[in-house]
Structure formats: C-alpha cells, structure tokens
Amino acid sequence: MLPFHSWVFLMLVSIVDVAALVLFVVCWVGYSKFAIMRSKTTPCLANILHGYRRQWMTRLLERGNRMQDTTVIANLERNVTFFASSSLLILAGIVAVLGATEKAMFVLDVLPFMIKATRVEWELKLIVLLVVFIYAFFKFTWSLRQYNFLSVLIGAAPRTSEEISDEEKERFINQSSRIASLAGHQFNFGLRSFYFGLAVLAWFLHPVLFVVVTLFVVRVLYRREFKSSTLKTMSAVE
C-alpha cells in the first residue's frame, strides 16, 4: 500500500491534469469562437482571402478557357488530401500505441523530467489525442467535399458568350466564393487541430508543460491570423 504522501502526490497530479485538460478545451473552443467573431470586425486572413476569392470568381466569368481555375482547385484538393491522409496515419499510430501502452510507458518513464502516470492516465491522454485527430480528419474530408462542390459550380458557370443578367452573375460569384471560403475554413479548422494535437503531446511529459504549450499554440495562431506579415502583404498594408 502506498504511503500517505504518495497518495497526496497522486491526487495533486490528477487535479493538475484535469485543470490542464479543461484549459486545453477552453483554449481550443474559445479561440475558434473568438476568431470567428473577431473576423467580422477586424482584418484577418479569413476575410482577406474571401475578398480574393470573390475577385477570382468575378474574373472566372470573363475567361473563356477555365483550365487554370480547375488546376487551382485540383492543387487545393491535393493539399487537403495530404493532411486527411496524414490524419489517418496518425490515428493508426495512436491506436497501435493504445495496444502497447505498457511498452510506451516503459520507454518514456526513463526520462528524468517525466512525471509518473498510471496506465489509466496514459490511456486517457491517448484517447484525447485520438479525438483531436478524428476531429481533424472529419474537417479535412468535409473541406475536400466542399472543393468538389466548387468544381461543380465552376463547371456550371455560364460561358462568356452567354447573355446573363447582372443578378445572375452576382449570384454565381456569391455562391462560388462562399463555398470556396467554407472549404478554406474547414481546412483551417483541421490545421488548428494539428497545432493543438502537438500541445497534447506535451501532456505526456508534464501537465504544466501541456498548459504552457497550449497557450503558446493560441498565441501562434492569433499572430498568424491577425498580426502576421502575410496578412499585411495581402491586405496591401505597408
């Protein structure tokens, strides 16, 4: 039977783990909600890219040959497919580790800065990691389907020789650019899952490190979406 001070230590570790997990969920969900709300009033990569997508669809209607447009969509689909396939490989690896938890614990327990964890705690961390990448897989595959829908819309776009009203042109531009932006948003959600998945990896070392890396991920995401040099360049801000 473990001595009293060992039970106190394990209880404190469990409390820190739970607090770290709660903070992780709050940061992930909270940042996603914050980014959506903030994008409605502040320039960011999401709304700047939507403007470029509208320009793309406006100019598409002026081109007779639209091969370059289908090439762009095919390139976007390849990028999404790569990450969707990577998600499946990662999920397979996590399931394999779940089947060999004791061996994984033995390998990492020799590290001097590793905090001692029970098998149940290890499996819980692996399940959290599994959920993160399942979410990423669903986001990437939905993004891929939406790019397929965009391909159909472009295939159904009126030819330059056709006489169509300004209202029909505007409807096509709105629909196609909106679908393109929705696909881009889903891809972005999947990428965020990869970032937060890296934060979960830190949890296997120490819950405090998990908290630090989670906050760091939020900071990186915020700077890239709202304060990056890329955003300034795309919005033509010197």
C-alpha atoms as a PDB file:
ATOM      1  CA  MET A   1       0.000   0.000   0.000  1.00  0.00           C
ATOM      2  CA  LEU A   2       1.281   3.471  -0.894  1.00  0.00           C
ATOM      3  CA  PRO A   3       2.243   5.824   1.951  1.00  0.00           C
ATOM      4  CA  PHE A   4       0.127   8.889   2.689  1.00  0.00           C
ATOM      5  CA  HIS A   5       2.458  11.383   0.986  1.00  0.00           C
ATOM      6  CA  SER A   6       2.380   9.292  -2.211  1.00  0.00           C
ATOM      7  CA  TRP A   7      -1.427   9.390  -2.275  1.00  0.00           C
ATOM      8  CA  VAL A   8      -1.341  13.179  -1.787  1.00  0.00           C
ATOM      9  CA  PHE A   9       1.126  13.491  -4.660  1.00  0.00           C
ATOM     10  CA  LEU A  10      -1.030  11.383  -6.978  1.00  0.00           C
ATOM     11  CA  MET A  11      -4.121  13.396  -6.041  1.00  0.00           C
ATOM     12  CA  LEU A  12      -2.358  16.681  -6.804  1.00  0.00           C
ATOM     13  CA  VAL A  13      -1.129  15.317 -10.129  1.00  0.00           C
ATOM     14  CA  SER A  14      -4.664  14.264 -11.056  1.00  0.00           C
ATOM     15  CA  ILE A  15      -6.018  17.709 -10.187  1.00  0.00           C
ATOM     16  CA  VAL A  16      -3.330  19.382 -12.309  1.00  0.00           C
ATOM     17  CA  ASP A  17      -4.090  17.010 -15.199  1.00  0.00           C
ATOM     18  CA  VAL A  18      -7.809  17.775 -15.061  1.00  0.00           C
ATOM     19  CA  ALA A  19      -7.159  21.520 -14.865  1.00  0.00           C
ATOM     20  CA  ALA A  20      -4.752  21.330 -17.806  1.00  0.00           C
ATOM     21  CA  LEU A  21      -7.295  19.391 -19.884  1.00  0.00           C
ATOM     22  CA  VAL A  22     -10.067  21.882 -19.065  1.00  0.00           C
ATOM     23  CA  LEU A  23      -7.799  24.780 -20.035  1.00  0.00           C
ATOM     24  CA  PHE A  24      -6.933  22.985 -23.291  1.00  0.00           C
ATOM     25  CA  VAL A  25     -10.614  22.570 -24.235  1.00  0.00           C
ATOM     26  CA  VAL A  26     -11.411  26.170 -23.267  1.00  0.00           C
ATOM     27  CA  CYS A  27      -8.482  27.494 -25.338  1.00  0.00           C
ATOM     28  CA  TRP A  28      -9.342  25.393 -28.388  1.00  0.00           C
ATOM     29  CA  VAL A  29     -13.079  26.078 -28.420  1.00  0.00           C
ATOM     30  CA  GLY A  30     -12.693  29.628 -27.130  1.00  0.00           C
ATOM     31  CA  TYR A  31     -10.127  30.620 -29.712  1.00  0.00           C
ATOM     32  CA  SER A  32     -12.256  29.211 -32.530  1.00  0.00           C
ATOM     33  CA  LYS A  33     -15.252  31.255 -31.364  1.00  0.00           C
ATOM     34  CA  PHE A  34     -13.059  34.314 -30.815  1.00  0.00           C
ATOM     35  CA  ALA A  35     -11.515  34.076 -34.299  1.00  0.00           C
ATOM     36  CA  ILE A  36     -14.954  33.864 -35.941  1.00  0.00           C
ATOM     37  CA  MET A  37     -16.286  36.871 -34.041  1.00  0.00           C
ATOM     38  CA  ARG A  38     -13.110  38.893 -34.478  1.00  0.00           C
ATOM     39  CA  SER A  39     -13.024  38.267 -38.236  1.00  0.00           C
ATOM     40  CA  LYS A  40     -16.352  40.101 -38.588  1.00  0.00           C
ATOM     41  CA  THR A  41     -14.855  43.405 -37.433  1.00  0.00           C
ATOM     42  CA  THR A  42     -11.073  43.089 -37.891  1.00  0.00           C
ATOM     43  CA  PRO A  43      -8.955  42.350 -40.978  1.00  0.00           C
ATOM     44  CA  CYS A  44      -7.622  38.798 -40.836  1.00  0.00           C
ATOM     45  CA  LEU A  45      -6.536  36.071 -43.224  1.00  0.00           C
ATOM     46  CA  ALA A  46     -10.080  34.665 -43.406  1.00  0.00           C
ATOM     47  CA  ASN A  47     -11.875  37.821 -44.602  1.00  0.00           C
ATOM     48  CA  ILE A  48      -8.972  38.989 -46.769  1.00  0.00           C
ATOM     49  CA  LEU A  49      -8.916  35.639 -48.565  1.00  0.00           C
ATOM     50  CA  HIS A  50     -12.685  35.796 -49.080  1.00  0.00           C
ATOM     51  CA  GLY A  51     -12.188  39.078 -50.931  1.00  0.00           C
ATOM     52  CA  TYR A  52      -9.613  37.445 -53.183  1.00  0.00           C
ATOM     53  CA  ARG A  53     -11.947  34.521 -53.805  1.00  0.00           C
ATOM     54  CA  ARG A  54     -14.643  36.952 -54.959  1.00  0.00           C
ATOM     55  CA  GLN A  55     -12.131  38.514 -57.351  1.00  0.00           C
ATOM     56  CA  TRP A  56     -11.227  35.041 -58.595  1.00  0.00           C
ATOM     57  CA  MET A  57     -14.850  34.148 -59.364  1.00  0.00           C
ATOM     58  CA  THR A  58     -15.508  37.546 -60.957  1.00  0.00           C
ATOM     59  CA  ARG A  59     -12.599  37.101 -63.357  1.00  0.00           C
ATOM     60  CA  LEU A  60     -13.514  33.479 -63.993  1.00  0.00           C
ATOM     61  CA  LEU A  61     -16.714  34.668 -65.678  1.00  0.00           C
ATOM     62  CA  GLU A  62     -14.593  36.779 -68.051  1.00  0.00           C
ATOM     63  CA  ARG A  63     -12.400  33.879 -69.187  1.00  0.00           C
ATOM     64  CA  GLY A  64     -13.344  31.538 -71.963  1.00  0.00           C
ATOM     65  CA  ASN A  65     -10.752  28.923 -71.045  1.00  0.00           C
ATOM     66  CA  ARG A  66     -11.068  27.932 -67.389  1.00  0.00           C
ATOM     67  CA  MET A  67      -8.375  25.276 -67.229  1.00  0.00           C
ATOM     68  CA  GLN A  68      -6.298  27.381 -64.860  1.00  0.00           C
ATOM     69  CA  ASP A  69      -9.220  27.604 -62.453  1.00  0.00           C
ATOM     70  CA  THR A  70      -9.663  23.823 -62.359  1.00  0.00           C
ATOM     71  CA  THR A  71      -5.888  23.499 -61.877  1.00  0.00           C
ATOM     72  CA  VAL A  72      -6.036  25.782 -58.834  1.00  0.00           C
ATOM     73  CA  ILE A  73      -8.882  23.745 -57.330  1.00  0.00           C
ATOM     74  CA  ALA A  74      -7.010  20.487 -58.012  1.00  0.00           C
ATOM     75  CA  ASN A  75      -3.974  21.885 -56.202  1.00  0.00           C
ATOM     76  CA  LEU A  76      -6.124  22.882 -53.204  1.00  0.00           C
ATOM     77  CA  GLU A  77      -7.681  19.417 -53.149  1.00  0.00           C
ATOM     78  CA  ARG A  78      -4.234  17.784 -53.150  1.00  0.00           C
ATOM     79  CA  ASN A  79      -3.211  19.824 -50.121  1.00  0.00           C
ATOM     80  CA  VAL A  80      -6.352  18.839 -48.219  1.00  0.00           C
ATOM     81  CA  THR A  81      -5.988  15.185 -49.244  1.00  0.00           C
ATOM     82  CA  PHE A  82      -2.418  15.137 -47.936  1.00  0.00           C
ATOM     83  CA  PHE A  83      -3.497  16.288 -44.474  1.00  0.00           C
ATOM     84  CA  ALA A  84      -6.520  13.972 -44.435  1.00  0.00           C
ATOM     85  CA  SER A  85      -4.242  11.020 -45.244  1.00  0.00           C
ATOM     86  CA  SER A  86      -1.764  12.174 -42.595  1.00  0.00           C
ATOM     87  CA  SER A  87      -4.594  12.253 -40.051  1.00  0.00           C
ATOM     88  CA  LEU A  88      -5.427   8.620 -40.824  1.00  0.00           C
ATOM     89  CA  LEU A  89      -1.785   7.580 -40.413  1.00  0.00           C
ATOM     90  CA  ILE A  90      -1.570   9.402 -37.085  1.00  0.00           C
ATOM     91  CA  LEU A  91      -4.806   7.756 -35.925  1.00  0.00           C
ATOM     92  CA  ALA A  92      -3.416   4.345 -36.852  1.00  0.00           C
ATOM     93  CA  GLY A  93      -0.280   5.108 -34.841  1.00  0.00           C
ATOM     94  CA  ILE A  94      -2.277   6.204 -31.790  1.00  0.00           C
ATOM     95  CA  VAL A  95      -4.414   3.046 -31.920  1.00  0.00           C
ATOM     96  CA  ALA A  96      -1.216   0.978 -32.127  1.00  0.00           C
ATOM     97  CA  VAL A  97       0.186   2.737 -29.050  1.00  0.00           C
ATOM     98  CA  LEU A  98      -3.085   2.110 -27.200  1.00  0.00           C
ATOM     99  CA  GLY A  99      -2.478  -1.582 -27.771  1.00  0.00           C
ATOM    100  CA  ALA A 100       1.041  -1.331 -26.372  1.00  0.00           C
ATOM    101  CA  THR A 101       0.613   1.233 -23.607  1.00  0.00           C
ATOM    102  CA  GLU A 102       2.873  -0.525 -21.126  1.00  0.00           C
ATOM    103  CA  LYS A 103       5.789  -0.609 -23.577  1.00  0.00           C
ATOM    104  CA  ALA A 104       5.347   3.099 -24.350  1.00  0.00           C
ATOM    105  CA  MET A 105       5.220   3.918 -20.650  1.00  0.00           C
ATOM    106  CA  PHE A 106       8.394   1.929 -20.044  1.00  0.00           C
ATOM    107  CA  VAL A 107      10.265   3.745 -22.823  1.00  0.00           C
ATOM    108  CA  LEU A 108       9.311   7.250 -21.643  1.00  0.00           C
ATOM    109  CA  ASP A 109       9.472   6.608 -17.898  1.00  0.00           C
ATOM    110  CA  VAL A 110      13.284   6.547 -18.066  1.00  0.00           C
ATOM    111  CA  LEU A 111      13.338  10.260 -18.933  1.00  0.00           C
ATOM    112  CA  PRO A 112      14.317  12.293 -15.851  1.00  0.00           C
ATOM    113  CA  PHE A 113      11.689  15.034 -16.359  1.00  0.00           C
ATOM    114  CA  MET A 114       8.776  12.653 -16.950  1.00  0.00           C
ATOM    115  CA  ILE A 115       6.039  12.751 -14.346  1.00  0.00           C
ATOM    116  CA  LYS A 116       4.862   9.356 -13.165  1.00  0.00           C
ATOM    117  CA  ALA A 117       1.473   8.388 -14.554  1.00  0.00           C
ATOM    118  CA  THR A 118      -0.780   5.382 -14.231  1.00  0.00           C
ATOM    119  CA  ARG A 119      -1.882   3.250 -17.158  1.00  0.00           C
ATOM    120  CA  VAL A 120      -5.380   4.780 -16.959  1.00  0.00           C
ATOM    121  CA  GLU A 121      -3.923   8.309 -17.190  1.00  0.00           C
ATOM    122  CA  TRP A 122      -1.822   7.309 -20.185  1.00  0.00           C
ATOM    123  CA  GLU A 123      -4.791   5.804 -21.961  1.00  0.00           C
ATOM    124  CA  LEU A 124      -6.874   8.904 -21.221  1.00  0.00           C
ATOM    125  CA  LYS A 125      -4.198  11.098 -22.817  1.00  0.00           C
ATOM    126  CA  LEU A 126      -4.049   8.827 -25.843  1.00  0.00           C
ATOM    127  CA  ILE A 127      -7.845   8.946 -26.187  1.00  0.00           C
ATOM    128  CA  VAL A 128      -7.770  12.761 -26.056  1.00  0.00           C
ATOM    129  CA  LEU A 129      -5.118  12.738 -28.781  1.00  0.00           C
ATOM    130  CA  LEU A 130      -7.247  10.292 -30.758  1.00  0.00           C
ATOM    131  CA  VAL A 131     -10.277  12.596 -30.524  1.00  0.00           C
ATOM    132  CA  VAL A 132      -8.221  15.588 -31.703  1.00  0.00           C
ATOM    133  CA  PHE A 133      -7.105  13.843 -34.883  1.00  0.00           C
ATOM    134  CA  ILE A 134     -10.504  12.274 -35.551  1.00  0.00           C
ATOM    135  CA  TYR A 135     -11.874  15.821 -35.482  1.00  0.00           C
ATOM    136  CA  ALA A 136      -9.101  16.913 -37.851  1.00  0.00           C
ATOM    137  CA  PHE A 137      -9.901  14.055 -40.256  1.00  0.00           C
ATOM    138  CA  PHE A 138     -13.580  14.985 -40.401  1.00  0.00           C
ATOM    139  CA  LYS A 139     -12.714  18.655 -41.035  1.00  0.00           C
ATOM    140  CA  PHE A 140     -10.276  17.827 -43.842  1.00  0.00           C
ATOM    141  CA  THR A 141     -12.664  15.429 -45.568  1.00  0.00           C
ATOM    142  CA  TRP A 142     -15.527  17.945 -45.369  1.00  0.00           C
ATOM    143  CA  SER A 143     -13.203  20.593 -46.822  1.00  0.00           C
ATOM    144  CA  LEU A 144     -12.367  18.195 -49.646  1.00  0.00           C
ATOM    145  CA  ARG A 145     -16.039  17.618 -50.420  1.00  0.00           C
ATOM    146  CA  GLN A 146     -16.679  21.351 -50.484  1.00  0.00           C
ATOM    147  CA  TYR A 147     -13.883  21.841 -53.008  1.00  0.00           C
ATOM    148  CA  ASN A 148     -15.616  19.142 -55.074  1.00  0.00           C
ATOM    149  CA  PHE A 149     -18.826  21.186 -54.864  1.00  0.00           C
ATOM    150  CA  LEU A 150     -16.859  24.232 -56.014  1.00  0.00           C
ATOM    151  CA  SER A 151     -15.653  22.268 -59.041  1.00  0.00           C
ATOM    152  CA  VAL A 152     -19.278  21.526 -59.933  1.00  0.00           C
ATOM    153  CA  LEU A 153     -20.222  25.197 -59.591  1.00  0.00           C
ATOM    154  CA  ILE A 154     -17.368  26.245 -61.854  1.00  0.00           C
ATOM    155  CA  GLY A 155     -18.364  23.568 -64.354  1.00  0.00           C
ATOM    156  CA  ALA A 156     -21.890  25.019 -64.346  1.00  0.00           C
ATOM    157  CA  ALA A 157     -20.685  28.624 -64.682  1.00  0.00           C
ATOM    158  CA  PRO A 158     -22.112  30.479 -67.707  1.00  0.00           C
ATOM    159  CA  ARG A 159     -19.887  30.897 -70.762  1.00  0.00           C
ATOM    160  CA  THR A 160     -18.636  34.323 -71.786  1.00  0.00           C
ATOM    161  CA  SER A 161     -20.755  34.083 -74.945  1.00  0.00           C
ATOM    162  CA  GLU A 162     -23.969  33.680 -72.944  1.00  0.00           C
ATOM    163  CA  GLU A 163     -26.180  36.644 -72.187  1.00  0.00           C
ATOM    164  CA  ILE A 164     -26.860  36.654 -68.458  1.00  0.00           C
ATOM    165  CA  SER A 165     -28.107  39.372 -66.167  1.00  0.00           C
ATOM    166  CA  ASP A 166     -26.024  41.153 -63.555  1.00  0.00           C
ATOM    167  CA  GLU A 167     -28.125  39.456 -60.871  1.00  0.00           C
ATOM    168  CA  GLU A 168     -27.203  36.005 -62.200  1.00  0.00           C
ATOM    169  CA  LYS A 169     -23.516  36.954 -62.298  1.00  0.00           C
ATOM    170  CA  GLU A 170     -23.639  38.244 -58.752  1.00  0.00           C
ATOM    171  CA  ARG A 171     -25.441  35.115 -57.583  1.00  0.00           C
ATOM    172  CA  PHE A 172     -22.764  32.886 -59.106  1.00  0.00           C
ATOM    173  CA  ILE A 173     -19.951  34.991 -57.617  1.00  0.00           C
ATOM    174  CA  ASN A 174     -21.571  34.915 -54.165  1.00  0.00           C
ATOM    175  CA  GLN A 175     -22.281  31.187 -54.225  1.00  0.00           C
ATOM    176  CA  SER A 176     -18.921  30.044 -55.577  1.00  0.00           C
ATOM    177  CA  SER A 177     -16.792  32.362 -53.442  1.00  0.00           C
ATOM    178  CA  ARG A 178     -18.816  31.405 -50.356  1.00  0.00           C
ATOM    179  CA  ILE A 179     -18.280  27.675 -50.999  1.00  0.00           C
ATOM    180  CA  ALA A 180     -14.566  28.317 -51.563  1.00  0.00           C
ATOM    181  CA  SER A 181     -14.360  30.200 -48.258  1.00  0.00           C
ATOM    182  CA  LEU A 182     -16.287  27.491 -46.390  1.00  0.00           C
ATOM    183  CA  ALA A 183     -13.869  24.877 -47.730  1.00  0.00           C
ATOM    184  CA  GLY A 184     -10.958  27.065 -46.675  1.00  0.00           C
ATOM    185  CA  HIS A 185     -12.404  27.499 -43.181  1.00  0.00           C
ATOM    186  CA  GLN A 186     -12.805  23.739 -42.713  1.00  0.00           C
ATOM    187  CA  PHE A 187      -9.226  23.233 -43.849  1.00  0.00           C
ATOM    188  CA  ASN A 188      -8.147  25.874 -41.341  1.00  0.00           C
ATOM    189  CA  PHE A 189     -10.034  24.094 -38.536  1.00  0.00           C
ATOM    190  CA  GLY A 190      -8.222  20.891 -39.432  1.00  0.00           C
ATOM    191  CA  LEU A 191      -4.840  22.633 -39.347  1.00  0.00           C
ATOM    192  CA  ARG A 192      -5.640  24.088 -35.925  1.00  0.00           C
ATOM    193  CA  SER A 193      -6.310  20.550 -34.731  1.00  0.00           C
ATOM    194  CA  PHE A 194      -2.763  19.596 -35.731  1.00  0.00           C
ATOM    195  CA  TYR A 195      -1.405  22.520 -33.708  1.00  0.00           C
ATOM    196  CA  PHE A 196      -3.452  21.576 -30.646  1.00  0.00           C
ATOM    197  CA  GLY A 197      -2.526  17.929 -31.166  1.00  0.00           C
ATOM    198  CA  LEU A 198       1.116  18.922 -30.709  1.00  0.00           C
ATOM    199  CA  ALA A 199       0.095  20.576 -27.441  1.00  0.00           C
ATOM    200  CA  VAL A 200      -1.455  17.300 -26.263  1.00  0.00           C
ATOM    201  CA  LEU A 201       1.880  15.559 -26.880  1.00  0.00           C
ATOM    202  CA  ALA A 202       3.411  17.831 -24.232  1.00  0.00           C
ATOM    203  CA  TRP A 203       0.876  16.425 -21.757  1.00  0.00           C
ATOM    204  CA  PHE A 204       2.700  13.083 -21.827  1.00  0.00           C
ATOM    205  CA  LEU A 205       5.756  14.816 -20.381  1.00  0.00           C
ATOM    206  CA  HIS A 206       4.122  17.064 -17.771  1.00  0.00           C
ATOM    207  CA  PRO A 207       0.703  18.749 -17.308  1.00  0.00           C
ATOM    208  CA  VAL A 208       2.339  22.126 -16.650  1.00  0.00           C
ATOM    209  CA  LEU A 209       4.198  21.834 -19.955  1.00  0.00           C
ATOM    210  CA  PHE A 210       0.839  20.949 -21.541  1.00  0.00           C
ATOM    211  CA  VAL A 211      -0.585  24.248 -20.278  1.00  0.00           C
ATOM    212  CA  VAL A 212       2.424  26.241 -21.490  1.00  0.00           C
ATOM    213  CA  VAL A 213       2.380  24.696 -24.973  1.00  0.00           C
ATOM    214  CA  THR A 214      -1.411  25.158 -25.260  1.00  0.00           C
ATOM    215  CA  LEU A 215      -1.103  28.875 -24.500  1.00  0.00           C
ATOM    216  CA  PHE A 216       1.821  29.108 -26.917  1.00  0.00           C
ATOM    217  CA  VAL A 217      -0.266  27.495 -29.680  1.00  0.00           C
ATOM    218  CA  VAL A 218      -3.063  30.029 -29.119  1.00  0.00           C
ATOM    219  CA  ARG A 219      -0.529  32.863 -29.338  1.00  0.00           C
ATOM    220  CA  VAL A 220       0.964  31.489 -32.561  1.00  0.00           C
ATOM    221  CA  LEU A 221      -2.470  31.050 -34.162  1.00  0.00           C
ATOM    222  CA  TYR A 222      -3.542  34.563 -33.187  1.00  0.00           C
ATOM    223  CA  ARG A 223      -0.390  36.206 -34.531  1.00  0.00           C
ATOM    224  CA  ARG A 224      -0.565  34.302 -37.816  1.00  0.00           C
ATOM    225  CA  GLU A 225      -4.236  35.044 -38.434  1.00  0.00           C
ATOM    226  CA  PHE A 226      -4.412  38.633 -37.196  1.00  0.00           C
ATOM    227  CA  LYS A 227      -0.890  40.093 -36.919  1.00  0.00           C
ATOM    228  CA  SER A 228       1.296  38.327 -39.485  1.00  0.00           C
ATOM    229  CA  SER A 229       3.392  39.869 -42.242  1.00  0.00           C
ATOM    230  CA  THR A 230       1.460  37.710 -44.688  1.00  0.00           C
ATOM    231  CA  LEU A 231      -1.780  39.410 -43.669  1.00  0.00           C
ATOM    232  CA  LYS A 232      -0.232  42.864 -44.069  1.00  0.00           C
ATOM    233  CA  THR A 233       1.078  41.963 -47.515  1.00  0.00           C
ATOM    234  CA  MET A 234      -2.212  40.504 -48.724  1.00  0.00           C
ATOM    235  CA  SER A 235      -4.181  43.471 -47.426  1.00  0.00           C
ATOM    236  CA  ALA A 236      -1.673  45.867 -49.078  1.00  0.00           C
ATOM    237  CA  VAL A 237      -0.743  47.446 -45.746  1.00  0.00           C
ATOM    238  CA  GLU A 238       2.810  48.731 -45.566  1.00  0.00           C
END
